[in-house]
Amino acid sequence: MNLTKKIGATVSALVLGLSLAACGADSEPTTGTDGATEDLGTINLGFVASWTDGLSTAYLLDNQLTKMGYTVEMDEIGDAALIYAALSKGDVDMYPSAWPEVTHADYMKTYGDKIDDIGTYYDNAQLTWAVPEYMDDVNSIEDLKGMGAEFGGKVIGIEPGAGLTKASLENVLPDYELKGEYELVTSSTPAMLAELKKATGAEKSIVVTLWQPFWANAAFPVKTLEDPKGALGGAEGLHFLGKTGFADEYPDAAKWISELKLDDAQYGSLEDTVVNQYEEGQEAEAVSAWIEENPDVLPEIKN
């Protein structure tokens, strides 16, 4: 199981080559009158690679934007706050899977006036806490009160700068009177998943911060805890965010991106293909395979 994805700008050329190789005859890059590929510009995608919604959509955009005639660069950034700051400064061109409505609302308050919303591609995202499904007596976050010793007094979280971390610290722990009994342990998504794998493999007790959609919900025997107080917020959309003036600089890309919509099944199959069916470093091949299996999902490329 791939728990981390390491990309780096140095492999951009390789990714680009693989994407071009996967192009069919009916979706060639834009060409000029002399037959040469027309360069529509370079688009830099900034994302947190261990958050596999962004990883999957980044490579999906790489595949499709390359076919249009754009050069795509990948920029792995370790924290969402840094991506929003980079977008606001124009240091990256796009965040390919943002949570601006609820999870990243504070970042939008800080940087939103210098960021363009290009479109919403998925509308049923949600933050969660989860425990192993074999824990029959824990079905709600409310049930955790008084059970701290069972979990070693720890909730296993993800990156410190994640919106999920902020909501857990500022809303869930105090709203459910869990402060003092539980500590939210933060490090990284791969570290959280490693702890979850270890605990569920031994049928031990563990509570982790998760989200939906996320492939780990199906890969591990976990259940989402009810959140009757709404401390983690409701469902929200996943957006494509761009630097100010993105649509003016990249009109063809902006139009195509704004038309991309994925439902639960489509998104789930994309992420599963990229994360679980192919090895690390084969993201471009995974996306090409997914597109071949789902030919009618994506907007048409008009060159």
C-alpha atoms as a PDB file:
ATOM      1  CA  MET A   1       0.000   0.000   0.000  1.00  0.00           C
ATOM      2  CA  ASN A   2       1.413   3.387  -0.953  1.00  0.00           C
ATOM      3  CA  LEU A   3       1.340   5.675   2.084  1.00  0.00           C
ATOM      4  CA  THR A   4       3.504   8.441   0.674  1.00  0.00           C
ATOM      5  CA  LYS A   5       4.135   9.939  -2.714  1.00  0.00           C
ATOM      6  CA  LYS A   6       7.366  11.773  -3.486  1.00  0.00           C
ATOM      7  CA  ILE A   7       7.330  13.824  -6.630  1.00  0.00           C
ATOM      8  CA  GLY A   8       9.634  16.868  -6.880  1.00  0.00           C
ATOM      9  CA  ALA A   9      10.100  19.227  -9.751  1.00  0.00           C
ATOM     10  CA  THR A  10      13.004  17.232 -11.163  1.00  0.00           C
ATOM     11  CA  VAL A  11      10.690  14.547 -12.504  1.00  0.00           C
ATOM     12  CA  SER A  12       8.415  16.961 -14.370  1.00  0.00           C
ATOM     13  CA  ALA A  13       9.961  16.051 -17.695  1.00  0.00           C
ATOM     14  CA  LEU A  14       9.454  12.338 -17.066  1.00  0.00           C
ATOM     15  CA  VAL A  15       5.827  12.830 -16.044  1.00  0.00           C
ATOM     16  CA  LEU A  16       5.250  14.981 -19.088  1.00  0.00           C
ATOM     17  CA  GLY A  17       6.767  12.362 -21.365  1.00  0.00           C
ATOM     18  CA  LEU A  18       4.639   9.601 -19.898  1.00  0.00           C
ATOM     19  CA  SER A  19       1.502  11.697 -20.239  1.00  0.00           C
ATOM     20  CA  LEU A  20       2.238  12.498 -23.875  1.00  0.00           C
ATOM     21  CA  ALA A  21       2.945   8.853 -24.603  1.00  0.00           C
ATOM     22  CA  ALA A  22      -0.486   7.976 -23.263  1.00  0.00           C
ATOM     23  CA  CYS A  23      -2.265  10.397 -25.596  1.00  0.00           C
ATOM     24  CA  GLY A  24      -4.540   8.804 -28.179  1.00  0.00           C
ATOM     25  CA  ALA A  25      -4.661   9.850 -31.791  1.00  0.00           C
ATOM     26  CA  ASP A  26      -7.942  11.650 -31.159  1.00  0.00           C
ATOM     27  CA  SER A  27      -6.504  13.918 -28.444  1.00  0.00           C
ATOM     28  CA  GLU A  28      -3.224  15.273 -29.767  1.00  0.00           C
ATOM     29  CA  PRO A  29      -1.703  18.469 -28.331  1.00  0.00           C
ATOM     30  CA  THR A  30      -2.544  21.751 -30.020  1.00  0.00           C
ATOM     31  CA  THR A  31      -0.405  22.256 -33.098  1.00  0.00           C
ATOM     32  CA  GLY A  32       0.504  25.283 -35.147  1.00  0.00           C
ATOM     33  CA  THR A  33       0.293  25.656 -38.905  1.00  0.00           C
ATOM     34  CA  ASP A  34       3.800  24.222 -39.285  1.00  0.00           C
ATOM     35  CA  GLY A  35       2.800  21.053 -37.420  1.00  0.00           C
ATOM     36  CA  ALA A  36       4.805  21.905 -34.291  1.00  0.00           C
ATOM     37  CA  THR A  37       3.160  21.624 -30.874  1.00  0.00           C
ATOM     38  CA  GLU A  38       1.924  25.016 -29.737  1.00  0.00           C
ATOM     39  CA  ASP A  39       3.226  25.899 -26.265  1.00  0.00           C
ATOM     40  CA  LEU A  40       0.333  27.452 -24.343  1.00  0.00           C
ATOM     41  CA  GLY A  41       2.487  28.196 -21.305  1.00  0.00           C
ATOM     42  CA  THR A  42       3.638  26.522 -18.110  1.00  0.00           C
ATOM     43  CA  ILE A  43       1.210  25.752 -15.271  1.00  0.00           C
ATOM     44  CA  ASN A  44       2.666  24.978 -11.847  1.00  0.00           C
ATOM     45  CA  LEU A  45       0.531  22.767  -9.592  1.00  0.00           C
ATOM     46  CA  GLY A  46       1.172  23.028  -5.845  1.00  0.00           C
ATOM     47  CA  PHE A  47      -0.225  20.301  -3.591  1.00  0.00           C
ATOM     48  CA  VAL A  48       0.391  18.172  -0.482  1.00  0.00           C
ATOM     49  CA  ALA A  49       1.384  14.817  -1.956  1.00  0.00           C
ATOM     50  CA  SER A  50       0.349  12.754   1.074  1.00  0.00           C
ATOM     51  CA  TRP A  51      -3.205  14.128   0.688  1.00  0.00           C
ATOM     52  CA  THR A  52      -4.170  11.861  -2.127  1.00  0.00           C
ATOM     53  CA  ASP A  53      -7.128  13.884  -3.390  1.00  0.00           C
ATOM     54  CA  GLY A  54      -4.629  16.528  -4.516  1.00  0.00           C
ATOM     55  CA  LEU A  55      -2.164  13.933  -5.743  1.00  0.00           C
ATOM     56  CA  SER A  56      -4.804  12.234  -7.917  1.00  0.00           C
ATOM     57  CA  THR A  57      -6.256  15.404  -9.387  1.00  0.00           C
ATOM     58  CA  ALA A  58      -2.796  16.905  -9.992  1.00  0.00           C
ATOM     59  CA  TYR A  59      -1.863  13.990 -12.249  1.00  0.00           C
ATOM     60  CA  LEU A  60      -5.279  14.045 -13.897  1.00  0.00           C
ATOM     61  CA  LEU A  61      -4.745  17.716 -14.768  1.00  0.00           C
ATOM     62  CA  ASP A  62      -1.179  16.996 -15.859  1.00  0.00           C
ATOM     63  CA  ASN A  63      -2.482  14.422 -18.329  1.00  0.00           C
ATOM     64  CA  GLN A  64      -5.209  16.603 -19.781  1.00  0.00           C
ATOM     65  CA  LEU A  65      -3.458  19.992 -19.765  1.00  0.00           C
ATOM     66  CA  THR A  66      -0.422  18.445 -21.439  1.00  0.00           C
ATOM     67  CA  LYS A  67      -2.679  17.188 -24.233  1.00  0.00           C
ATOM     68  CA  MET A  68      -3.945  20.736 -24.687  1.00  0.00           C
ATOM     69  CA  GLY A  69      -0.428  22.020 -25.196  1.00  0.00           C
ATOM     70  CA  TYR A  70       0.516  23.266 -21.729  1.00  0.00           C
ATOM     71  CA  THR A  71       3.694  22.400 -19.880  1.00  0.00           C
ATOM     72  CA  VAL A  72       2.817  21.171 -16.390  1.00  0.00           C
ATOM     73  CA  GLU A  73       5.149  21.352 -13.391  1.00  0.00           C
ATOM     74  CA  MET A  74       4.536  19.578 -10.089  1.00  0.00           C
ATOM     75  CA  ASP A  75       5.429  21.295  -6.822  1.00  0.00           C
ATOM     76  CA  GLU A  76       5.071  19.179  -3.691  1.00  0.00           C
ATOM     77  CA  ILE A  77       4.443  21.469  -0.702  1.00  0.00           C
ATOM     78  CA  GLY A  78       4.316  20.159   2.842  1.00  0.00           C
ATOM     79  CA  ASP A  79       1.478  22.233   4.282  1.00  0.00           C
ATOM     80  CA  ALA A  80      -1.804  23.707   3.021  1.00  0.00           C
ATOM     81  CA  ALA A  81      -1.075  27.105   4.572  1.00  0.00           C
ATOM     82  CA  LEU A  82       2.074  27.356   2.467  1.00  0.00           C
ATOM     83  CA  ILE A  83       0.111  26.554  -0.686  1.00  0.00           C
ATOM     84  CA  TYR A  84      -2.403  29.328  -0.019  1.00  0.00           C
ATOM     85  CA  ALA A  85       0.416  31.775   0.666  1.00  0.00           C
ATOM     86  CA  ALA A  86       2.200  30.704  -2.529  1.00  0.00           C
ATOM     87  CA  LEU A  87      -1.003  31.073  -4.560  1.00  0.00           C
ATOM     88  CA  SER A  88      -1.597  34.569  -3.214  1.00  0.00           C
ATOM     89  CA  LYS A  89       1.913  35.582  -4.283  1.00  0.00           C
ATOM     90  CA  GLY A  90       1.706  33.854  -7.656  1.00  0.00           C
ATOM     91  CA  ASP A  91       4.544  31.483  -6.737  1.00  0.00           C
ATOM     92  CA  VAL A  92       2.345  28.560  -7.828  1.00  0.00           C
ATOM     93  CA  ASP A  93      -0.401  28.750 -10.430  1.00  0.00           C
ATOM     94  CA  MET A  94      -2.925  26.253  -9.068  1.00  0.00           C
ATOM     95  CA  TYR A  95      -3.956  24.222  -6.039  1.00  0.00           C
ATOM     96  CA  PRO A  96      -5.644  21.183  -7.656  1.00  0.00           C
ATOM     97  CA  SER A  97      -7.763  20.062  -4.688  1.00  0.00           C
ATOM     98  CA  ALA A  98      -8.560  22.711  -2.088  1.00  0.00           C
ATOM     99  CA  TRP A  99     -11.109  22.676   0.765  1.00  0.00           C
ATOM    100  CA  PRO A 100     -11.888  26.422   0.965  1.00  0.00           C
ATOM    101  CA  GLU A 101     -15.500  26.324   2.188  1.00  0.00           C
ATOM    102  CA  VAL A 102     -14.977  24.916   5.700  1.00  0.00           C
ATOM    103  CA  THR A 103     -11.660  23.176   6.283  1.00  0.00           C
ATOM    104  CA  HIS A 104      -9.500  25.939   4.798  1.00  0.00           C
ATOM    105  CA  ALA A 105     -11.891  28.811   5.507  1.00  0.00           C
ATOM    106  CA  ASP A 106      -9.346  30.616   7.682  1.00  0.00           C
ATOM    107  CA  TYR A 107      -6.772  30.502   4.890  1.00  0.00           C
ATOM    108  CA  MET A 108      -9.337  31.976   2.517  1.00  0.00           C
ATOM    109  CA  LYS A 109      -9.999  34.803   4.972  1.00  0.00           C
ATOM    110  CA  THR A 110      -6.295  35.577   4.929  1.00  0.00           C
ATOM    111  CA  TYR A 111      -5.470  35.040   1.273  1.00  0.00           C
ATOM    112  CA  GLY A 112      -8.794  34.726  -0.578  1.00  0.00           C
ATOM    113  CA  ASP A 113      -8.806  38.205  -2.098  1.00  0.00           C
ATOM    114  CA  LYS A 114      -5.657  37.245  -4.012  1.00  0.00           C
ATOM    115  CA  ILE A 115      -6.869  33.806  -5.125  1.00  0.00           C
ATOM    116  CA  ASP A 116      -9.261  32.885  -7.939  1.00  0.00           C
ATOM    117  CA  ASP A 117     -11.786  30.038  -7.613  1.00  0.00           C
ATOM    118  CA  ILE A 118     -11.673  28.145 -10.909  1.00  0.00           C
ATOM    119  CA  GLY A 119     -14.356  25.594 -10.093  1.00  0.00           C
ATOM    120  CA  THR A 120     -15.719  22.874  -7.811  1.00  0.00           C
ATOM    121  CA  TYR A 121     -15.117  19.325  -8.999  1.00  0.00           C
ATOM    122  CA  TYR A 122     -16.593  17.355  -6.075  1.00  0.00           C
ATOM    123  CA  ASP A 123     -19.285  18.423  -3.597  1.00  0.00           C
ATOM    124  CA  ASN A 124     -19.435  15.824  -0.817  1.00  0.00           C
ATOM    125  CA  ALA A 125     -16.184  16.161   1.136  1.00  0.00           C
ATOM    126  CA  GLN A 126     -16.198  15.936   4.936  1.00  0.00           C
ATOM    127  CA  LEU A 127     -13.808  15.815   7.894  1.00  0.00           C
ATOM    128  CA  THR A 128     -14.165  12.855  10.271  1.00  0.00           C
ATOM    129  CA  TRP A 129     -12.841  11.003  13.293  1.00  0.00           C
ATOM    130  CA  ALA A 130     -12.781   7.217  13.062  1.00  0.00           C
ATOM    131  CA  VAL A 131     -12.139   4.073  15.101  1.00  0.00           C
ATOM    132  CA  PRO A 132     -11.791   0.411  14.094  1.00  0.00           C
ATOM    133  CA  GLU A 133     -15.097  -1.182  13.174  1.00  0.00           C
ATOM    134  CA  TYR A 134     -14.531  -3.940  15.760  1.00  0.00           C
ATOM    135  CA  MET A 135     -14.992  -1.351  18.569  1.00  0.00           C
ATOM    136  CA  ASP A 136     -18.718  -1.991  19.029  1.00  0.00           C
ATOM    137  CA  ASP A 137     -19.119   0.357  22.005  1.00  0.00           C
ATOM    138  CA  VAL A 138     -17.777   3.453  20.226  1.00  0.00           C
ATOM    139  CA  ASN A 139     -20.007   4.877  17.507  1.00  0.00           C
ATOM    140  CA  SER A 140     -19.974   8.599  18.243  1.00  0.00           C
ATOM    141  CA  ILE A 141     -17.337  11.121  19.277  1.00  0.00           C
ATOM    142  CA  GLU A 142     -19.474  11.501  22.415  1.00  0.00           C
ATOM    143  CA  ASP A 143     -18.658   7.880  23.311  1.00  0.00           C
ATOM    144  CA  LEU A 144     -14.964   8.716  23.684  1.00  0.00           C
ATOM    145  CA  LYS A 145     -15.494  10.658  26.907  1.00  0.00           C
ATOM    146  CA  GLY A 146     -14.245   8.634  29.865  1.00  0.00           C
ATOM    147  CA  MET A 147     -12.461   6.125  27.600  1.00  0.00           C
ATOM    148  CA  GLY A 148      -9.117   7.909  27.351  1.00  0.00           C
ATOM    149  CA  ALA A 149      -7.205   5.065  28.990  1.00  0.00           C
ATOM    150  CA  GLU A 150      -8.504   2.678  26.316  1.00  0.00           C
ATOM    151  CA  PHE A 151      -6.797   4.797  23.649  1.00  0.00           C
ATOM    152  CA  GLY A 152      -3.697   5.691  25.632  1.00  0.00           C
ATOM    153  CA  GLY A 153      -5.038   9.224  25.898  1.00  0.00           C
ATOM    154  CA  LYS A 154      -4.224   9.909  22.231  1.00  0.00           C
ATOM    155  CA  VAL A 155      -6.032  10.852  19.069  1.00  0.00           C
ATOM    156  CA  ILE A 156      -3.721  10.190  16.125  1.00  0.00           C
ATOM    157  CA  GLY A 157      -3.819  13.126  13.745  1.00  0.00           C
ATOM    158  CA  ILE A 158      -2.103  14.355  10.595  1.00  0.00           C
ATOM    159  CA  GLU A 159      -0.111  17.467   9.635  1.00  0.00           C
ATOM    160  CA  PRO A 160      -0.115  20.325  12.207  1.00  0.00           C
ATOM    161  CA  GLY A 161      -1.173  22.872   9.580  1.00  0.00           C
ATOM    162  CA  ALA A 162      -4.142  20.881   8.266  1.00  0.00           C
ATOM    163  CA  GLY A 163      -7.647  22.295   8.628  1.00  0.00           C
ATOM    164  CA  LEU A 164      -8.635  18.945  10.123  1.00  0.00           C
ATOM    165  CA  THR A 165      -6.054  19.461  12.862  1.00  0.00           C
ATOM    166  CA  LYS A 166      -7.352  22.952  13.626  1.00  0.00           C
ATOM    167  CA  ALA A 167     -10.971  21.773  13.780  1.00  0.00           C
ATOM    168  CA  SER A 168     -10.015  18.865  16.034  1.00  0.00           C
ATOM    169  CA  LEU A 169      -8.080  21.074  18.448  1.00  0.00           C
ATOM    170  CA  GLU A 170     -10.374  24.085  18.513  1.00  0.00           C
ATOM    171  CA  ASN A 171     -13.780  22.436  18.128  1.00  0.00           C
ATOM    172  CA  VAL A 172     -13.906  18.689  18.731  1.00  0.00           C
ATOM    173  CA  LEU A 173     -11.798  18.385  21.881  1.00  0.00           C
ATOM    174  CA  PRO A 174     -13.504  21.244  23.761  1.00  0.00           C
ATOM    175  CA  ASP A 175     -17.032  20.693  22.401  1.00  0.00           C
ATOM    176  CA  TYR A 176     -17.036  17.063  23.511  1.00  0.00           C
ATOM    177  CA  GLU A 177     -15.178  17.788  26.778  1.00  0.00           C
ATOM    178  CA  LEU A 178     -12.209  15.656  25.739  1.00  0.00           C
ATOM    179  CA  LYS A 179      -9.482  18.201  26.539  1.00  0.00           C
ATOM    180  CA  GLY A 180      -7.168  16.929  29.249  1.00  0.00           C
ATOM    181  CA  GLU A 181      -8.253  13.344  28.672  1.00  0.00           C
ATOM    182  CA  TYR A 182      -6.924  13.147  25.104  1.00  0.00           C
ATOM    183  CA  GLU A 183      -3.932  14.621  23.319  1.00  0.00           C
ATOM    184  CA  LEU A 184      -4.082  15.194  19.571  1.00  0.00           C
ATOM    185  CA  VAL A 185      -0.841  13.748  18.205  1.00  0.00           C
ATOM    186  CA  THR A 186       0.189  15.459  14.962  1.00  0.00           C
ATOM    187  CA  SER A 187       2.922  14.520  12.513  1.00  0.00           C
ATOM    188  CA  SER A 188       1.901  13.528   8.982  1.00  0.00           C
ATOM    189  CA  THR A 189      -0.734  11.622   7.052  1.00  0.00           C
ATOM    190  CA  PRO A 190       1.656   8.723   6.311  1.00  0.00           C
ATOM    191  CA  ALA A 191       2.528   8.483  10.022  1.00  0.00           C
ATOM    192  CA  MET A 192      -1.155   8.411  10.978  1.00  0.00           C
ATOM    193  CA  LEU A 193      -1.842   5.689   8.421  1.00  0.00           C
ATOM    194  CA  ALA A 194       1.093   3.651   9.677  1.00  0.00           C
ATOM    195  CA  GLU A 195      -0.327   3.800  13.218  1.00  0.00           C
ATOM    196  CA  LEU A 196      -3.768   2.863  11.911  1.00  0.00           C
ATOM    197  CA  LYS A 197      -2.381  -0.091   9.982  1.00  0.00           C
ATOM    198  CA  LYS A 198      -0.428  -1.306  13.012  1.00  0.00           C
ATOM    199  CA  ALA A 199      -3.392  -0.998  15.387  1.00  0.00           C
ATOM    200  CA  THR A 200      -5.998  -2.585  13.129  1.00  0.00           C
ATOM    201  CA  GLY A 201      -3.620  -5.397  12.226  1.00  0.00           C
ATOM    202  CA  ALA A 202      -3.380  -6.277  15.908  1.00  0.00           C
ATOM    203  CA  GLU A 203      -7.032  -5.385  16.625  1.00  0.00           C
ATOM    204  CA  LYS A 204      -5.979  -2.701  19.079  1.00  0.00           C
ATOM    205  CA  SER A 205      -7.939   0.411  20.041  1.00  0.00           C
ATOM    206  CA  ILE A 206      -7.144   3.606  18.123  1.00  0.00           C
ATOM    207  CA  VAL A 207      -8.930   6.822  17.188  1.00  0.00           C
ATOM    208  CA  VAL A 208      -7.680   8.771  14.178  1.00  0.00           C
ATOM    209  CA  THR A 209      -8.568  11.901  12.245  1.00  0.00           C
ATOM    210  CA  LEU A 210      -9.704  11.090   8.699  1.00  0.00           C
ATOM    211  CA  TRP A 211     -11.777  12.629   5.926  1.00  0.00           C
ATOM    212  CA  GLN A 212     -14.029  11.649   3.064  1.00  0.00           C
ATOM    213  CA  PRO A 213     -13.391  10.980   0.256  1.00  0.00           C
ATOM    214  CA  PHE A 214     -10.177   9.152   1.135  1.00  0.00           C
ATOM    215  CA  TRP A 215      -9.079   5.685   0.045  1.00  0.00           C
ATOM    216  CA  ALA A 216      -8.088   4.725   3.625  1.00  0.00           C
ATOM    217  CA  ASN A 217     -11.753   4.510   4.643  1.00  0.00           C
ATOM    218  CA  ALA A 218     -12.131   1.457   2.412  1.00  0.00           C
ATOM    219  CA  ALA A 219      -8.621   0.047   2.813  1.00  0.00           C
ATOM    220  CA  PHE A 220      -8.784  -0.234   6.604  1.00  0.00           C
ATOM    221  CA  PRO A 221     -11.531  -1.736   8.824  1.00  0.00           C
ATOM    222  CA  VAL A 222     -12.671   1.631  10.211  1.00  0.00           C
ATOM    223  CA  LYS A 223     -15.977   3.357  10.830  1.00  0.00           C
ATOM    224  CA  THR A 224     -16.700   7.063  10.899  1.00  0.00           C
ATOM    225  CA  LEU A 225     -17.807   8.347  14.287  1.00  0.00           C
ATOM    226  CA  GLU A 226     -21.010  10.355  14.456  1.00  0.00           C
ATOM    227  CA  ASP A 227     -20.493  14.050  15.157  1.00  0.00           C
ATOM    228  CA  PRO A 228     -23.821  15.187  16.669  1.00  0.00           C
ATOM    229  CA  LYS A 229     -22.442  18.585  17.666  1.00  0.00           C
ATOM    230  CA  GLY A 230     -21.197  19.277  14.150  1.00  0.00           C
ATOM    231  CA  ALA A 231     -17.761  20.139  15.477  1.00  0.00           C
ATOM    232  CA  LEU A 232     -16.037  19.027  12.275  1.00  0.00           C
ATOM    233  CA  GLY A 233     -18.432  20.931  10.014  1.00  0.00           C
ATOM    234  CA  GLY A 234     -20.717  19.650   7.294  1.00  0.00           C
ATOM    235  CA  ALA A 235     -20.128  18.493   3.759  1.00  0.00           C
ATOM    236  CA  GLU A 236     -18.199  20.863   1.515  1.00  0.00           C
ATOM    237  CA  GLY A 237     -16.888  21.067  -2.017  1.00  0.00           C
ATOM    238  CA  LEU A 238     -13.407  20.366  -3.321  1.00  0.00           C
ATOM    239  CA  HIS A 239     -12.231  23.242  -5.480  1.00  0.00           C
ATOM    240  CA  PHE A 240      -9.588  24.088  -8.019  1.00  0.00           C
ATOM    241  CA  LEU A 241      -7.990  27.351  -6.890  1.00  0.00           C
ATOM    242  CA  GLY A 242      -5.722  29.507  -9.021  1.00  0.00           C
ATOM    243  CA  LYS A 243      -3.540  32.552  -8.648  1.00  0.00           C
ATOM    244  CA  THR A 244      -5.121  35.903  -9.449  1.00  0.00           C
ATOM    245  CA  GLY A 245      -5.687  36.194 -13.197  1.00  0.00           C
ATOM    246  CA  PHE A 246      -5.358  32.449 -13.850  1.00  0.00           C
ATOM    247  CA  ALA A 247      -8.227  32.385 -16.369  1.00  0.00           C
ATOM    248  CA  ASP A 248      -6.807  35.354 -18.266  1.00  0.00           C
ATOM    249  CA  GLU A 249      -3.379  33.756 -18.543  1.00  0.00           C
ATOM    250  CA  TYR A 250      -4.601  30.219 -19.237  1.00  0.00           C
ATOM    251  CA  PRO A 251      -8.111  30.563 -20.752  1.00  0.00           C
ATOM    252  CA  ASP A 252      -8.313  27.101 -22.327  1.00  0.00           C
ATOM    253  CA  ALA A 253      -7.153  25.417 -19.140  1.00  0.00           C
ATOM    254  CA  ALA A 254      -9.525  27.444 -16.964  1.00  0.00           C
ATOM    255  CA  LYS A 255     -12.520  26.586 -19.130  1.00  0.00           C
ATOM    256  CA  TRP A 256     -11.752  22.854 -19.140  1.00  0.00           C
ATOM    257  CA  ILE A 257     -11.020  22.788 -15.398  1.00  0.00           C
ATOM    258  CA  SER A 258     -14.259  24.619 -14.577  1.00  0.00           C
ATOM    259  CA  GLU A 259     -16.243  21.926 -16.416  1.00  0.00           C
ATOM    260  CA  LEU A 260     -14.678  18.933 -14.644  1.00  0.00           C
ATOM    261  CA  LYS A 261     -17.117  17.244 -12.215  1.00  0.00           C
ATOM    262  CA  LEU A 262     -16.674  13.919 -10.397  1.00  0.00           C
ATOM    263  CA  ASP A 263     -19.257  12.016  -8.374  1.00  0.00           C
ATOM    264  CA  ASP A 264     -18.511   9.653  -5.477  1.00  0.00           C
ATOM    265  CA  ALA A 265     -17.917   6.588  -7.649  1.00  0.00           C
ATOM    266  CA  GLN A 266     -15.797   8.430 -10.209  1.00  0.00           C
ATOM    267  CA  TYR A 267     -13.652  10.159  -7.635  1.00  0.00           C
ATOM    268  CA  GLY A 268     -13.261   6.968  -5.600  1.00  0.00           C
ATOM    269  CA  SER A 269     -12.115   4.957  -8.595  1.00  0.00           C
ATOM    270  CA  LEU A 270      -9.629   7.662  -9.629  1.00  0.00           C
ATOM    271  CA  GLU A 271      -7.999   7.835  -6.206  1.00  0.00           C
ATOM    272  CA  ASP A 272      -7.984   4.052  -5.777  1.00  0.00           C
ATOM    273  CA  THR A 273      -6.309   3.607  -9.163  1.00  0.00           C
ATOM    274  CA  VAL A 274      -3.598   6.187  -8.463  1.00  0.00           C
ATOM    275  CA  VAL A 275      -2.886   5.203  -4.860  1.00  0.00           C
ATOM    276  CA  ASN A 276      -3.529   1.471  -4.666  1.00  0.00           C
ATOM    277  CA  GLN A 277      -3.425  -0.100  -8.121  1.00  0.00           C
ATOM    278  CA  TYR A 278      -0.109   1.392  -9.233  1.00  0.00           C
ATOM    279  CA  GLU A 279       3.254   1.803  -7.525  1.00  0.00           C
ATOM    280  CA  GLU A 280       4.774   5.047  -6.328  1.00  0.00           C
ATOM    281  CA  GLY A 281       6.223   6.852  -9.331  1.00  0.00           C
ATOM    282  CA  GLN A 282       3.582   5.437 -11.689  1.00  0.00           C
ATOM    283  CA  GLU A 283       0.941   8.103 -11.126  1.00  0.00           C
ATOM    284  CA  ALA A 284       0.949   9.187 -14.769  1.00  0.00           C
ATOM    285  CA  GLU A 285       0.377   5.626 -15.962  1.00  0.00           C
ATOM    286  CA  ALA A 286      -2.377   5.186 -13.371  1.00  0.00           C
ATOM    287  CA  VAL A 287      -4.240   8.252 -14.588  1.00  0.00           C
ATOM    288  CA  SER A 288      -3.906   7.143 -18.216  1.00  0.00           C
ATOM    289  CA  ALA A 289      -5.373   3.753 -17.298  1.00  0.00           C
ATOM    290  CA  TRP A 290      -8.223   5.392 -15.387  1.00  0.00           C
ATOM    291  CA  ILE A 291      -9.067   7.663 -18.318  1.00  0.00           C
ATOM    292  CA  GLU A 292      -9.122   4.642 -20.651  1.00  0.00           C
ATOM    293  CA  GLU A 293     -11.590   2.937 -18.304  1.00  0.00           C
ATOM    294  CA  ASN A 294     -13.694   6.107 -17.906  1.00  0.00           C
ATOM    295  CA  PRO A 295     -13.703   7.713 -21.357  1.00  0.00           C
ATOM    296  CA  ASP A 296     -16.944   9.663 -20.888  1.00  0.00           C
ATOM    297  CA  VAL A 297     -16.191  11.271 -17.523  1.00  0.00           C
ATOM    298  CA  LEU A 298     -13.916  14.119 -18.569  1.00  0.00           C
ATOM    299  CA  PRO A 299     -14.855  17.278 -20.481  1.00  0.00           C
ATOM    300  CA  GLU A 300     -13.893  17.251 -24.134  1.00  0.00           C
ATOM    301  CA  ILE A 301     -10.567  18.829 -25.059  1.00  0.00           C
ATOM    302  CA  LYS A 302     -11.134  21.300 -27.887  1.00  0.00           C
ATOM    303  CA  ASN A 303      -7.931  22.244 -29.679  1.00  0.00           C
END
